[in-house]
């Protein structure tokens, strides 16, 4: 199964394990990275708590640099989610929608690009 991000299709890599799955993008080569990674950690319940399920997504892409000491370097974005066992799928969907909106907000983009917090 492929993952499509905007117009790019990322193909599932054969190096998948039970807890992580890498996806290779169209620009990926030996020297240029263009990949997605999905990872998960199942809940570990205790006698008093049902546990939490952890999931992570990561995008890695080699960027061409200007006015820097090296010509290229990897840009990396990660998103981690922890949901307690028993949380409804409706609440999870709302949470994920809110988080996606937050990451797409001008305030987050300004902070990510310039390391300046919005006033």
Protein backbone atom coordinates (compact mmCIF):
# COMPACT_ATOMS: atom_id res chain seq x y z
CA UNK A 1 0.00 0.00 0.00
CA UNK A 2 1.31 3.44 -0.91
CA UNK A 3 0.85 6.70 0.98
CA UNK A 4 0.09 9.79 -1.12
CA UNK A 5 1.22 13.15 0.30
CA UNK A 6 0.04 16.02 -1.88
CA UNK A 7 0.95 14.59 -5.30
CA UNK A 8 3.86 12.37 -4.20
CA UNK A 9 3.36 8.65 -3.81
CA UNK A 10 5.47 6.88 -1.16
CA UNK A 11 5.87 3.11 -1.66
CA UNK A 12 6.14 0.72 1.27
CA UNK A 13 9.71 -0.50 1.71
CA UNK A 14 10.56 -4.16 2.18
CA UNK A 15 12.37 -3.32 5.45
CA UNK A 16 9.09 -3.16 7.38
CA UNK A 17 8.96 -4.76 10.82
CA UNK A 18 6.08 -5.46 13.19
CA UNK A 19 6.49 -2.06 14.85
CA UNK A 20 7.70 0.20 12.02
CA UNK A 21 7.13 0.66 8.30
CA UNK A 22 9.34 2.82 6.05
CA UNK A 23 7.97 4.32 2.83
CA UNK A 24 10.21 5.50 -0.01
CA UNK A 25 9.36 8.63 -1.99
CA UNK A 26 9.89 9.42 -5.68
CA UNK A 27 12.99 11.58 -5.12
CA UNK A 28 14.78 9.04 -2.89
CA UNK A 29 18.23 7.93 -4.11
CA UNK A 30 21.42 6.68 -2.50
CA UNK A 31 22.45 10.25 -1.64
CA UNK A 32 19.06 12.02 -1.38
CA UNK A 33 16.44 11.10 1.21
CA UNK A 34 12.73 11.34 0.53
CA UNK A 35 10.95 9.01 2.93
CA UNK A 36 8.18 8.56 5.45
CA UNK A 37 8.33 6.33 8.50
CA UNK A 38 5.44 5.05 10.59
CA UNK A 39 6.06 3.47 13.99
CA UNK A 40 3.92 2.19 16.83
CA UNK A 41 4.25 0.97 20.40
CA UNK A 42 1.32 -1.06 21.74
CA UNK A 43 -0.24 -0.33 25.13
CA UNK A 44 1.37 -1.85 28.21
CA UNK A 45 -1.40 -2.22 30.77
CA UNK A 46 -0.81 -2.39 34.50
CA UNK A 47 -3.08 -3.60 37.26
CA UNK A 48 -4.56 -0.10 37.64
CA UNK A 49 -4.27 1.45 34.15
CA UNK A 50 -5.16 0.15 30.68
CA UNK A 51 -2.15 1.83 29.08
CA UNK A 52 -1.57 4.09 26.09
CA UNK A 53 -0.99 3.37 22.41
CA UNK A 54 1.86 5.37 20.89
CA UNK A 55 2.17 6.18 17.19
CA UNK A 56 4.73 8.26 15.31
CA UNK A 57 5.05 9.57 11.79
CA UNK A 58 8.28 11.00 10.39
CA UNK A 59 9.11 12.76 7.13
CA UNK A 60 12.77 12.99 6.10
CA UNK A 61 13.86 14.89 3.01
CA UNK A 62 17.32 16.04 1.94
CA UNK A 63 17.36 19.81 1.43
CA UNK A 64 19.71 21.81 -0.78
CA UNK A 65 21.27 24.58 1.31
CA UNK A 66 22.39 28.10 0.42
CA UNK A 67 24.89 30.17 2.41
CA UNK A 68 25.70 27.16 4.60
CA UNK A 69 28.88 25.20 5.34
CA UNK A 70 27.56 22.07 3.63
CA UNK A 71 25.63 21.77 0.34
CA UNK A 72 22.83 19.54 1.70
CA UNK A 73 21.33 18.34 4.98
CA UNK A 74 18.22 16.46 6.02
CA UNK A 75 15.03 18.26 7.00
CA UNK A 76 13.02 16.15 9.46
CA UNK A 77 9.49 16.50 10.80
CA UNK A 78 8.03 14.14 13.41
CA UNK A 79 4.61 13.84 14.94
CA UNK A 80 3.94 11.61 17.89
CA UNK A 81 0.54 10.70 19.26
CA UNK A 82 -0.33 8.98 22.53
CA UNK A 83 -3.90 7.81 23.03
CA UNK A 84 -5.09 6.19 26.25
CA UNK A 85 -6.81 2.84 25.82
CA UNK A 86 -10.56 3.43 25.86
CA UNK A 87 -10.53 6.83 24.12
CA UNK A 88 -13.33 6.97 21.54
CA UNK A 89 -12.50 7.08 17.84
CA UNK A 90 -14.58 10.26 17.58
CA UNK A 91 -12.40 11.94 20.22
CA UNK A 92 -9.26 10.65 18.46
CA UNK A 93 -10.46 12.08 15.13
CA UNK A 94 -11.21 15.45 16.72
CA UNK A 95 -7.81 15.49 18.44
CA UNK A 96 -5.97 14.63 15.20
CA UNK A 97 -7.92 17.26 13.24
CA UNK A 98 -7.07 19.90 15.86
CA UNK A 99 -3.40 18.86 15.82
CA UNK A 100 -3.20 19.00 12.01
CA UNK A 101 -4.77 22.47 12.08
CA UNK A 102 -2.28 23.58 14.75
CA UNK A 103 0.72 22.35 12.70
CA UNK A 104 -0.66 24.12 9.61
CA UNK A 105 -1.24 27.38 11.52
CA UNK A 106 0.75 30.52 10.71
CA UNK A 107 2.04 30.60 14.31
CA UNK A 108 3.53 27.11 14.12
CA UNK A 109 5.01 27.71 10.65
CA UNK A 110 6.59 30.99 11.79
CA UNK A 111 8.12 29.31 14.83
CA UNK A 112 9.39 26.35 12.75
CA UNK A 113 10.94 28.52 10.03
CA UNK A 114 12.40 31.37 12.09
CA UNK A 115 12.46 30.10 15.70
CA UNK A 116 10.36 33.09 16.69
CA UNK A 117 7.24 32.67 18.80
CA UNK A 118 4.21 34.59 17.57
CA UNK A 119 3.28 37.52 19.80
